[in-house]
PDB file of N, CA and C in Angstrom:
ATOM      1  N   MET A   1     125.243  84.581  15.249  1.00  0.00           N
ATOM      2  CA  MET A   1     124.365  84.305  16.352  1.00  0.00           C
ATOM      3  C   MET A   1     122.925  84.549  15.926  1.00  0.00           C
ATOM      4  N   GLU A   2     122.037  83.638  16.286  1.00  0.00           N
ATOM      5  CA  GLU A   2     120.630  83.739  15.895  1.00  0.00           C
ATOM      6  C   GLU A   2     119.834  84.541  16.916  1.00  0.00           C
ATOM      7  N   ASP A   3     118.872  85.255  16.392  1.00  0.00           N
ATOM      8  CA  ASP A   3     117.976  86.010  17.273  1.00  0.00           C
ATOM      9  C   ASP A   3     116.862  85.067  17.698  1.00  0.00           C
ATOM     10  N   THR A   4     116.778  84.768  18.970  1.00  0.00           N
ATOM     11  CA  THR A   4     115.765  83.823  19.456  1.00  0.00           C
ATOM     12  C   THR A   4     114.567  84.522  20.072  1.00  0.00           C
ATOM     13  N   THR A   5     114.468  85.834  19.898  1.00  0.00           N
ATOM     14  CA  THR A   5     113.331  86.568  20.435  1.00  0.00           C
ATOM     15  C   THR A   5     112.122  86.297  19.565  1.00  0.00           C
ATOM     16  N   LYS A   6     111.083  85.823  20.179  1.00  0.00           N
ATOM     17  CA  LYS A   6     109.860  85.531  19.445  1.00  0.00           C
ATOM     18  C   LYS A   6     108.799  86.549  19.835  1.00  0.00           C
ATOM     19  N   VAL A   7     108.242  87.181  18.845  1.00  0.00           N
ATOM     20  CA  VAL A   7     107.205  88.170  19.095  1.00  0.00           C
ATOM     21  C   VAL A   7     105.872  87.555  18.689  1.00  0.00           C
ATOM     22  N   THR A   8     104.961  87.582  19.620  1.00  0.00           N
ATOM     23  CA  THR A   8     103.634  87.077  19.296  1.00  0.00           C
ATOM     24  C   THR A   8     102.670  88.240  19.215  1.00  0.00           C
ATOM     25  N   ASN A   9     101.889  88.225  18.197  1.00  0.00           N
ATOM     26  CA  ASN A   9     100.907  89.286  17.991  1.00  0.00           C
ATOM     27  C   ASN A   9      99.525  88.721  18.302  1.00  0.00           C
ATOM     28  N   THR A  10      99.227  88.646  19.578  1.00  0.00           N
ATOM     29  CA  THR A  10      97.927  88.116  19.979  1.00  0.00           C
ATOM     30  C   THR A  10      97.139  89.188  20.708  1.00  0.00           C
ATOM     31  N   ILE A  11      95.888  89.176  20.456  1.00  0.00           N
ATOM     32  CA  ILE A  11      94.986  90.093  21.140  1.00  0.00           C
ATOM     33  C   ILE A  11      94.048  89.231  21.969  1.00  0.00           C
ATOM     34  N   SER A  12      94.117  89.406  23.265  1.00  0.00           N
ATOM     35  CA  SER A  12      93.243  88.604  24.115  1.00  0.00           C
ATOM     36  C   SER A  12      91.972  89.391  24.406  1.00  0.00           C
ATOM     37  N   LYS A  13      90.886  88.664  24.412  1.00  0.00           N
ATOM     38  CA  LYS A  13      89.596  89.291  24.719  1.00  0.00           C
ATOM     39  C   LYS A  13      89.476  89.459  26.221  1.00  0.00           C
ATOM     40  N   PRO A  14      88.851  90.561  26.641  1.00  0.00           N
ATOM     41  CA  PRO A  14      88.596  90.696  28.081  1.00  0.00           C
ATOM     42  C   PRO A  14      87.591  89.639  28.519  1.00  0.00           C
ATOM     43  N   PRO A  15      87.585  89.292  29.801  1.00  0.00           N
ATOM     44  CA  PRO A  15      86.662  88.258  30.262  1.00  0.00           C
ATOM     45  C   PRO A  15      85.200  88.645  30.048  1.00  0.00           C
ATOM     46  N   ARG A  16      84.375  87.635  29.825  1.00  0.00           N
ATOM     47  CA  ARG A  16      82.933  87.835  29.659  1.00  0.00           C
ATOM     48  C   ARG A  16      82.286  87.755  31.030  1.00  0.00           C
ATOM     49  N   CYS A  17      81.473  88.741  31.350  1.00  0.00           N
ATOM     50  CA  CYS A  17      80.785  88.784  32.634  1.00  0.00           C
ATOM     51  C   CYS A  17      79.282  88.710  32.415  1.00  0.00           C
ATOM     52  N   VAL A  18      78.607  87.949  33.255  1.00  0.00           N
ATOM     53  CA  VAL A  18      77.149  87.847  33.206  1.00  0.00           C
ATOM     54  C   VAL A  18      76.622  88.185  34.590  1.00  0.00           C
ATOM     55  N   ILE A  19      75.689  89.116  34.651  1.00  0.00           N
ATOM     56  CA  ILE A  19      75.081  89.510  35.916  1.00  0.00           C
ATOM     57  C   ILE A  19      73.587  89.210  35.849  1.00  0.00           C
ATOM     58  N   HIS A  20      73.085  88.497  36.844  1.00  0.00           N
ATOM     59  CA  HIS A  20      71.650  88.258  36.981  1.00  0.00           C
ATOM     60  C   HIS A  20      71.171  89.154  38.113  1.00  0.00           C
ATOM     61  N   ALA A  21      70.095  89.888  37.886  1.00  0.00           N
ATOM     62  CA  ALA A  21      69.552  90.777  38.918  1.00  0.00           C
ATOM     63  C   ALA A  21      68.049  90.892  38.749  1.00  0.00           C
ATOM     64  N   GLU A  22      67.419  91.569  39.702  1.00  0.00           N
ATOM     65  CA  GLU A  22      65.991  91.875  39.624  1.00  0.00           C
ATOM     66  C   GLU A  22      65.827  93.369  39.829  1.00  0.00           C
ATOM     67  N   LEU A  23      64.938  93.965  39.046  1.00  0.00           N
ATOM     68  CA  LEU A  23      64.631  95.386  39.186  1.00  0.00           C
ATOM     69  C   LEU A  23      63.123  95.536  39.159  1.00  0.00           C
ATOM     70  N   ASP A  24      62.557  95.995  40.252  1.00  0.00           N
ATOM     71  CA  ASP A  24      61.104  96.130  40.394  1.00  0.00           C
ATOM     72  C   ASP A  24      60.387  94.819  40.083  1.00  0.00           C
ATOM     73  N   GLY A  25      60.989  93.697  40.497  1.00  0.00           N
ATOM     74  CA  GLY A  25      60.380  92.385  40.298  1.00  0.00           C
ATOM     75  C   GLY A  25      60.654  91.758  38.945  1.00  0.00           C
ATOM     76  N   PHE A  26      61.349  92.467  38.054  1.00  0.00           N
ATOM     77  CA  PHE A  26      61.652  91.940  36.737  1.00  0.00           C
ATOM     78  C   PHE A  26      63.069  91.359  36.721  1.00  0.00           C
ATOM     79  N   PRO A  27      63.222  90.127  36.228  1.00  0.00           N
ATOM     80  CA  PRO A  27      64.566  89.552  36.167  1.00  0.00           C
ATOM     81  C   PRO A  27      65.377  90.208  35.045  1.00  0.00           C
ATOM     82  N   LEU A  28      66.649  90.443  35.306  1.00  0.00           N
ATOM     83  CA  LEU A  28      67.554  91.023  34.316  1.00  0.00           C
ATOM     84  C   LEU A  28      68.744  90.103  34.126  1.00  0.00           C
ATOM     85  N   THR A  29      69.217  89.990  32.908  1.00  0.00           N
ATOM     86  CA  THR A  29      70.477  89.313  32.628  1.00  0.00           C
ATOM     87  C   THR A  29      71.311  90.284  31.810  1.00  0.00           C
ATOM     88  N   ILE A  30      72.468  90.647  32.338  1.00  0.00           N
ATOM     89  CA  ILE A  30      73.337  91.607  31.677  1.00  0.00           C
ATOM     90  C   ILE A  30      74.636  90.892  31.338  1.00  0.00           C
ATOM     91  N   THR A  31      75.026  90.920  30.067  1.00  0.00           N
ATOM     92  CA  THR A  31      76.248  90.277  29.619  1.00  0.00           C
ATOM     93  C   THR A  31      77.143  91.322  28.983  1.00  0.00           C
ATOM     94  N   PHE A  32      78.406  91.341  29.374  1.00  0.00           N
ATOM     95  CA  PHE A  32      79.353  92.274  28.765  1.00  0.00           C
ATOM     96  C   PHE A  32      80.760  91.739  28.911  1.00  0.00           C
ATOM     97  N   ARG A  33      81.675  92.326  28.169  1.00  0.00           N
ATOM     98  CA  ARG A  33      83.094  91.993  28.274  1.00  0.00           C
ATOM     99  C   ARG A  33      83.804  93.188  28.887  1.00  0.00           C
ATOM    100  N   GLY A  34      84.671  92.939  29.810  1.00  0.00           N
ATOM    101  CA  GLY A  34      85.399  94.031  30.420  1.00  0.00           C
ATOM    102  C   GLY A  34      86.282  93.566  31.555  1.00  0.00           C
ATOM    103  N   LYS A  35      86.971  94.506  32.131  1.00  0.00           N
ATOM    104  CA  LYS A  35      87.870  94.227  33.242  1.00  0.00           C
ATOM    105  C   LYS A  35      87.083  94.183  34.547  1.00  0.00           C
ATOM    106  N   ALA A  36      87.729  93.717  35.596  1.00  0.00           N
ATOM    107  CA  ALA A  36      87.076  93.591  36.906  1.00  0.00           C
ATOM    108  C   ALA A  36      86.548  94.935  37.389  1.00  0.00           C
ATOM    109  N   GLU A  37      87.244  96.005  37.096  1.00  0.00           N
ATOM    110  CA  GLU A  37      86.800  97.337  37.511  1.00  0.00           C
ATOM    111  C   GLU A  37      85.464  97.683  36.850  1.00  0.00           C
ATOM    112  N   SER A  38      85.297  97.317  35.585  1.00  0.00           N
ATOM    113  CA  SER A  38      84.031  97.554  34.888  1.00  0.00           C
ATOM    114  C   SER A  38      82.910  96.761  35.536  1.00  0.00           C
ATOM    115  N   PHE A  39      83.210  95.536  35.902  1.00  0.00           N
ATOM    116  CA  PHE A  39      82.229  94.679  36.570  1.00  0.00           C
ATOM    117  C   PHE A  39      81.798  95.316  37.889  1.00  0.00           C
ATOM    118  N   LYS A  40      82.772  95.759  38.677  1.00  0.00           N
ATOM    119  CA  LYS A  40      82.492  96.391  39.963  1.00  0.00           C
ATOM    120  C   LYS A  40      81.629  97.634  39.772  1.00  0.00           C
ATOM    121  N   ASN A  41      81.955  98.465  38.788  1.00  0.00           N
ATOM    122  CA  ASN A  41      81.188  99.682  38.519  1.00  0.00           C
ATOM    123  C   ASN A  41      79.766  99.361  38.074  1.00  0.00           C
ATOM    124  N   THR A  42      79.611  98.299  37.282  1.00  0.00           N
ATOM    125  CA  THR A  42      78.279  97.912  36.814  1.00  0.00           C
ATOM    126  C   THR A  42      77.421  97.453  37.986  1.00  0.00           C
ATOM    127  N   VAL A  43      77.978  96.633  38.861  1.00  0.00           N
ATOM    128  CA  VAL A  43      77.227  96.167  40.035  1.00  0.00           C
ATOM    129  C   VAL A  43      76.845  97.350  40.914  1.00  0.00           C
ATOM    130  N   GLN A  44      77.780  98.268  41.110  1.00  0.00           N
ATOM    131  CA  GLN A  44      77.497  99.451  41.930  1.00  0.00           C
ATOM    132  C   GLN A  44      76.359 100.267  41.314  1.00  0.00           C
ATOM    133  N   ARG A  45      76.385 100.471  40.008  1.00  0.00           N
ATOM    134  CA  ARG A  45      75.335 101.246  39.338  1.00  0.00           C
ATOM    135  C   ARG A  45      73.985 100.538  39.428  1.00  0.00           C
ATOM    136  N   LEU A  46      73.976  99.217  39.281  1.00  0.00           N
ATOM    137  CA  LEU A  46      72.726  98.457  39.411  1.00  0.00           C
ATOM    138  C   LEU A  46      72.129  98.636  40.802  1.00  0.00           C
ATOM    139  N   ARG A  47      72.976  98.600  41.824  1.00  0.00           N
ATOM    140  CA  ARG A  47      72.486  98.810  43.192  1.00  0.00           C
ATOM    141  C   ARG A  47      71.934 100.220  43.368  1.00  0.00           C
ATOM    142  N   GLU A  48      72.593 101.208  42.754  1.00  0.00           N
ATOM    143  CA  GLU A  48      72.142 102.595  42.858  1.00  0.00           C
ATOM    144  C   GLU A  48      70.738 102.785  42.278  1.00  0.00           C
ATOM    145  N   ILE A  49      70.421 102.042  41.219  1.00  0.00           N
ATOM    146  CA  ILE A  49      69.094 102.208  40.603  1.00  0.00           C
ATOM    147  C   ILE A  49      68.053 101.276  41.197  1.00  0.00           C
ATOM    148  N   GLY A  50      68.468 100.491  42.223  1.00  0.00           N
ATOM    149  CA  GLY A  50      67.495  99.674  42.932  1.00  0.00           C
ATOM    150  C   GLY A  50      67.462  98.207  42.557  1.00  0.00           C
ATOM    151  N   ALA A  51      68.372  97.758  41.716  1.00  0.00           N
ATOM    152  CA  ALA A  51      68.416  96.340  41.348  1.00  0.00           C
ATOM    153  C   ALA A  51      68.962  95.536  42.523  1.00  0.00           C
ATOM    154  N   THR A  52      68.469  94.310  42.668  1.00  0.00           N
ATOM    155  CA  THR A  52      68.932  93.420  43.727  1.00  0.00           C
ATOM    156  C   THR A  52      69.317  92.075  43.115  1.00  0.00           C
ATOM    157  N   PRO A  53      70.236  91.359  43.768  1.00  0.00           N
ATOM    158  CA  PRO A  53      70.557  90.017  43.261  1.00  0.00           C
ATOM    159  C   PRO A  53      69.331  89.124  43.375  1.00  0.00           C
ATOM    160  N   PRO A  54      69.149  88.207  42.430  1.00  0.00           N
ATOM    161  CA  PRO A  54      68.009  87.297  42.545  1.00  0.00           C
ATOM    162  C   PRO A  54      68.229  86.340  43.709  1.00  0.00           C
ATOM    163  N   SER A  55      67.142  85.770  44.189  1.00  0.00           N
ATOM    164  CA  SER A  55      67.269  84.774  45.248  1.00  0.00           C
ATOM    165  C   SER A  55      68.010  83.564  44.683  1.00  0.00           C
ATOM    166  N   LEU A  56      68.659  82.805  45.520  1.00  0.00           N
ATOM    167  CA  LEU A  56      69.434  81.666  45.040  1.00  0.00           C
ATOM    168  C   LEU A  56      68.606  80.651  44.263  1.00  0.00           C
ATOM    169  N   PRO A  57      67.379  80.286  44.711  1.00  0.00           N
ATOM    170  CA  PRO A  57      66.588  79.350  43.913  1.00  0.00           C
ATOM    171  C   PRO A  57      66.250  79.909  42.524  1.00  0.00           C
ATOM    172  N   ALA A  58      65.949  81.200  42.436  1.00  0.00           N
ATOM    173  CA  ALA A  58      65.628  81.798  41.137  1.00  0.00           C
ATOM    174  C   ALA A  58      66.847  81.803  40.232  1.00  0.00           C
ATOM    175  N   LEU A  59      68.007  82.104  40.787  1.00  0.00           N
ATOM    176  CA  LEU A  59      69.236  82.103  40.014  1.00  0.00           C
ATOM    177  C   LEU A  59      69.567  80.698  39.522  1.00  0.00           C
ATOM    178  N   ALA A  60      69.414  79.707  40.397  1.00  0.00           N
ATOM    179  CA  ALA A  60      69.689  78.324  40.012  1.00  0.00           C
ATOM    180  C   ALA A  60      68.757  77.878  38.901  1.00  0.00           C
ATOM    181  N   THR A  61      67.493  78.278  38.971  1.00  0.00           N
ATOM    182  CA  THR A  61      66.526  77.923  37.932  1.00  0.00           C
ATOM    183  C   THR A  61      66.897  78.576  36.607  1.00  0.00           C
ATOM    184  N   ALA A  62      67.248  79.857  36.629  1.00  0.00           N
ATOM    185  CA  ALA A  62      67.618  80.565  35.403  1.00  0.00           C
ATOM    186  C   ALA A  62      68.864  79.950  34.785  1.00  0.00           C
ATOM    187  N   THR A  63      69.839  79.621  35.610  1.00  0.00           N
ATOM    188  CA  THR A  63      71.075  79.034  35.106  1.00  0.00           C
ATOM    189  C   THR A  63      70.816  77.648  34.530  1.00  0.00           C
ATOM    190  N   ALA A  64      70.022  76.849  35.220  1.00  0.00           N
ATOM    191  CA  ALA A  64      69.721  75.506  34.737  1.00  0.00           C
ATOM    192  C   ALA A  64      68.935  75.553  33.437  1.00  0.00           C
ATOM    193  N   THR A  65      68.010  76.489  33.327  1.00  0.00           N
ATOM    194  CA  THR A  65      67.224  76.617  32.099  1.00  0.00           C
ATOM    195  C   THR A  65      68.119  76.973  30.928  1.00  0.00           C
ATOM    196  N   ALA A  66      69.058  77.870  31.149  1.00  0.00           N
ATOM    197  CA  ALA A  66      69.938  78.298  30.074  1.00  0.00           C
ATOM    198  C   ALA A  66      70.949  77.231  29.703  1.00  0.00           C
ATOM    199  N   ALA A  67      71.393  76.462  30.669  1.00  0.00           N
ATOM    200  CA  ALA A  67      72.506  75.551  30.435  1.00  0.00           C
ATOM    201  C   ALA A  67      72.103  74.190  29.887  1.00  0.00           C
ATOM    202  N   THR A  68      70.849  73.823  29.995  1.00  0.00           N
ATOM    203  CA  THR A  68      70.475  72.482  29.573  1.00  0.00           C
ATOM    204  C   THR A  68      69.291  72.502  28.616  1.00  0.00           C
ATOM    205  N   ALA A  69      69.302  71.573  27.732  1.00  0.00           N
ATOM    206  CA  ALA A  69      68.155  71.368  26.854  1.00  0.00           C
ATOM    207  C   ALA A  69      67.494  70.069  27.281  1.00  0.00           C
ATOM    208  N   THR A  70      66.208  70.094  27.376  1.00  0.00           N
ATOM    209  CA  THR A  70      65.505  68.875  27.768  1.00  0.00           C
ATOM    210  C   THR A  70      65.372  67.967  26.557  1.00  0.00           C
ATOM    211  N   GLU A  71      65.071  66.710  26.820  1.00  0.00           N
ATOM    212  CA  GLU A  71      64.894  65.766  25.724  1.00  0.00           C
ATOM    213  C   GLU A  71      63.695  66.134  24.870  1.00  0.00           C
ATOM    214  N   SER A  72      62.758  66.867  25.434  1.00  0.00           N
ATOM    215  CA  SER A  72      61.542  67.199  24.699  1.00  0.00           C
ATOM    216  C   SER A  72      61.701  68.431  23.812  1.00  0.00           C
ATOM    217  N   GLY A  73      62.855  69.094  23.852  1.00  0.00           N
ATOM    218  CA  GLY A  73      63.022  70.251  23.000  1.00  0.00           C
ATOM    219  C   GLY A  73      64.261  71.051  23.314  1.00  0.00           C
ATOM    220  N   PRO A  74      64.395  72.186  22.639  1.00  0.00           N
ATOM    221  CA  PRO A  74      65.579  73.027  22.806  1.00  0.00           C
ATOM    222  C   PRO A  74      65.568  73.762  24.141  1.00  0.00           C
ATOM    223  N   PRO A  75      66.731  74.316  24.536  1.00  0.00           N
ATOM    224  CA  PRO A  75      66.773  75.103  25.773  1.00  0.00           C
ATOM    225  C   PRO A  75      65.966  76.381  25.609  1.00  0.00           C
ATOM    226  N   LYS A  76      65.627  77.008  26.736  1.00  0.00           N
ATOM    227  CA  LYS A  76      64.883  78.270  26.699  1.00  0.00           C
ATOM    228  C   LYS A  76      65.814  79.415  27.063  1.00  0.00           C
ATOM    229  N   CYS A  77      65.592  80.553  26.452  1.00  0.00           N
ATOM    230  CA  CYS A  77      66.369  81.745  26.749  1.00  0.00           C
ATOM    231  C   CYS A  77      66.049  82.186  28.178  1.00  0.00           C
ATOM    232  N   PRO A  78      67.074  82.392  29.023  1.00  0.00           N
ATOM    233  CA  PRO A  78      66.801  82.808  30.394  1.00  0.00           C
ATOM    234  C   PRO A  78      66.233  84.220  30.483  1.00  0.00           C
ATOM    235  N   THR A  79      66.453  85.034  29.475  1.00  0.00           N
ATOM    236  CA  THR A  79      65.947  86.401  29.477  1.00  0.00           C
ATOM    237  C   THR A  79      64.507  86.467  29.002  1.00  0.00           C
ATOM    238  N   HIS A  80      64.200  85.761  27.908  1.00  0.00           N
ATOM    239  CA  HIS A  80      62.876  85.862  27.287  1.00  0.00           C
ATOM    240  C   HIS A  80      61.967  84.666  27.558  1.00  0.00           C
ATOM    241  N   GLY A  81      62.545  83.525  27.984  1.00  0.00           N
ATOM    242  CA  GLY A  81      61.744  82.340  28.248  1.00  0.00           C
ATOM    243  C   GLY A  81      61.238  81.653  26.993  1.00  0.00           C
ATOM    244  N   THR A  82      61.809  81.995  25.851  1.00  0.00           N
ATOM    245  CA  THR A  82      61.392  81.402  24.583  1.00  0.00           C
ATOM    246  C   THR A  82      62.373  80.312  24.164  1.00  0.00           C
ATOM    247  N   LYS A  83      61.903  79.407  23.294  1.00  0.00           N
ATOM    248  CA  LYS A  83      62.764  78.340  22.803  1.00  0.00           C
ATOM    249  C   LYS A  83      63.896  78.927  21.972  1.00  0.00           C
ATOM    250  N   MET A  84      65.086  78.368  22.187  1.00  0.00           N
ATOM    251  CA  MET A  84      66.249  78.822  21.442  1.00  0.00           C
ATOM    252  C   MET A  84      66.378  78.014  20.152  1.00  0.00           C
ATOM    253  N   LYS A  85      67.090  78.576  19.188  1.00  0.00           N
ATOM    254  CA  LYS A  85      67.275  77.931  17.894  1.00  0.00           C
ATOM    255  C   LYS A  85      68.685  77.371  17.806  1.00  0.00           C
ATOM    256  N   GLU A  86      68.804  76.191  17.197  1.00  0.00           N
ATOM    257  CA  GLU A  86      70.120  75.575  17.063  1.00  0.00           C
ATOM    258  C   GLU A  86      70.934  76.313  16.006  1.00  0.00           C
ATOM    259  N   SER A  87      72.166  76.620  16.353  1.00  0.00           N
ATOM    260  CA  SER A  87      73.063  77.338  15.458  1.00  0.00           C
ATOM    261  C   SER A  87      73.663  76.390  14.431  1.00  0.00           C
ATOM    262  N   ARG A  88      74.300  76.957  13.422  1.00  0.00           N
ATOM    263  CA  ARG A  88      75.046  76.132  12.467  1.00  0.00           C
ATOM    264  C   ARG A  88      76.312  75.584  13.123  1.00  0.00           C
ATOM    265  N   LYS A  89      76.750  76.241  14.192  1.00  0.00           N
ATOM    266  CA  LYS A  89      77.905  75.748  14.959  1.00  0.00           C
ATOM    267  C   LYS A  89      77.429  74.556  15.784  1.00  0.00           C
ATOM    268  N   PRO A  90      78.107  73.437  15.724  1.00  0.00           N
ATOM    269  CA  PRO A  90      77.672  72.261  16.482  1.00  0.00           C
ATOM    270  C   PRO A  90      77.616  72.524  17.985  1.00  0.00           C
ATOM    271  N   GLY A  91      76.505  72.139  18.601  1.00  0.00           N
ATOM    272  CA  GLY A  91      76.362  72.235  20.039  1.00  0.00           C
ATOM    273  C   GLY A  91      76.053  73.625  20.579  1.00  0.00           C
ATOM    274  N   VAL A  92      75.669  74.554  19.713  1.00  0.00           N
ATOM    275  CA  VAL A  92      75.382  75.927  20.148  1.00  0.00           C
ATOM    276  C   VAL A  92      73.935  76.269  19.825  1.00  0.00           C
ATOM    277  N   TRP A  93      73.246  76.875  20.788  1.00  0.00           N
ATOM    278  CA  TRP A  93      71.874  77.333  20.637  1.00  0.00           C
ATOM    279  C   TRP A  93      71.859  78.828  20.885  1.00  0.00           C
ATOM    280  N   TYR A  94      70.960  79.570  20.210  1.00  0.00           N
ATOM    281  CA  TYR A  94      70.890  81.017  20.412  1.00  0.00           C
ATOM    282  C   TYR A  94      69.452  81.499  20.446  1.00  0.00           C
ATOM    283  N   CYS A  95      69.256  82.667  21.052  1.00  0.00           N
ATOM    284  CA  CYS A  95      67.927  83.271  21.142  1.00  0.00           C
ATOM    285  C   CYS A  95      67.673  84.093  19.888  1.00  0.00           C
ATOM    286  N   THR A  96      66.467  84.014  19.361  1.00  0.00           N
ATOM    287  CA  THR A  96      66.126  84.735  18.127  1.00  0.00           C
ATOM    288  C   THR A  96      65.356  86.027  18.377  1.00  0.00           C
ATOM    289  N   LYS A  97      65.149  86.377  19.647  1.00  0.00           N
ATOM    290  CA  LYS A  97      64.354  87.570  19.955  1.00  0.00           C
ATOM    291  C   LYS A  97      65.122  88.851  19.623  1.00  0.00           C
ATOM    292  N   LYS A  98      64.406  89.811  19.070  1.00  0.00           N
ATOM    293  CA  LYS A  98      64.979  91.110  18.749  1.00  0.00           C
ATOM    294  C   LYS A  98      64.967  91.993  19.998  1.00  0.00           C
ATOM    295  N   VAL A  99      66.055  92.727  20.195  1.00  0.00           N
ATOM    296  CA  VAL A  99      66.191  93.648  21.313  1.00  0.00           C
ATOM    297  C   VAL A  99      66.411  95.030  20.702  1.00  0.00           C
ATOM    298  N   GLY A 100      65.457  95.902  20.865  1.00  0.00           N
ATOM    299  CA  GLY A 100      65.558  97.210  20.222  1.00  0.00           C
ATOM    300  C   GLY A 100      65.207  97.097  18.748  1.00  0.00           C
ATOM    301  N   GLU A 101      65.634  98.078  17.992  1.00  0.00           N
ATOM    302  CA  GLU A 101      65.284  98.107  16.575  1.00  0.00           C
ATOM    303  C   GLU A 101      66.232  97.327  15.681  1.00  0.00           C
ATOM    304  N   ASP A 102      67.515  97.283  16.055  1.00  0.00           N
ATOM    305  CA  ASP A 102      68.471  96.684  15.133  1.00  0.00           C
ATOM    306  C   ASP A 102      69.483  95.743  15.781  1.00  0.00           C
ATOM    307  N   SER A 103      69.101  95.100  16.879  1.00  0.00           N
ATOM    308  CA  SER A 103      69.996  94.112  17.469  1.00  0.00           C
ATOM    309  C   SER A 103      69.165  92.948  18.024  1.00  0.00           C
ATOM    310  N   TYR A 104      69.855  91.867  18.289  1.00  0.00           N
ATOM    311  CA  TYR A 104      69.203  90.655  18.778  1.00  0.00           C
ATOM    312  C   TYR A 104      69.753  90.249  20.146  1.00  0.00           C
ATOM    313  N   CYS A 105      68.990  89.437  20.837  1.00  0.00           N
ATOM    314  CA  CYS A 105      69.398  88.918  22.144  1.00  0.00           C
ATOM    315  C   CYS A 105      70.739  88.204  21.998  1.00  0.00           C
ATOM    316  N   LYS A 106      71.605  88.365  22.956  1.00  0.00           N
ATOM    317  CA  LYS A 106      72.954  87.773  22.900  1.00  0.00           C
ATOM    318  C   LYS A 106      73.050  86.451  23.668  1.00  0.00           C
ATOM    319  N   GLU A 107      71.931  85.977  24.227  1.00  0.00           N
ATOM    320  CA  GLU A 107      71.977  84.729  24.996  1.00  0.00           C
ATOM    321  C   GLU A 107      72.356  83.576  24.088  1.00  0.00           C
ATOM    322  N   GLU A 108      73.252  82.723  24.582  1.00  0.00           N
ATOM    323  CA  GLU A 108      73.743  81.594  23.825  1.00  0.00           C
ATOM    324  C   GLU A 108      74.014  80.448  24.796  1.00  0.00           C
ATOM    325  N   VAL A 109      73.677  79.220  24.391  1.00  0.00           N
ATOM    326  CA  VAL A 109      73.924  78.040  25.211  1.00  0.00           C
ATOM    327  C   VAL A 109      74.803  77.094  24.429  1.00  0.00           C
ATOM    328  N   LYS A 110      75.875  76.636  25.071  1.00  0.00           N
ATOM    329  CA  LYS A 110      76.762  75.644  24.448  1.00  0.00           C
ATOM    330  C   LYS A 110      76.638  74.355  25.235  1.00  0.00           C
ATOM    331  N   ARG A 111      76.486  73.270  24.545  1.00  0.00           N
ATOM    332  CA  ARG A 111      76.409  71.989  25.231  1.00  0.00           C
ATOM    333  C   ARG A 111      77.043  70.910  24.424  1.00  0.00           C
TER     334      ARG A 111
END
């Protein structure tokens, strides 16, 4: 008799979450991977420190800016407002701005 049990060794990534908020009039974009509980805790902490959701028109503008590239040039980073650079991966653009001393902006646009 044959053993028909198939074992798969797959590791699934937790979902990617993006939060747009405003803190003291400054727009924030927070991206992380985690479970729904982490997302809930992050939103709660943002509210505790005074962050508020952006207005719908501002959110729509930020999302549209990040998601599309105009015919006149590359898309702009929704966090920094700077032109994004085309990646070696086809159809992917990324932000080149440095965040802190040893890391870079994680914003990426796929089209």
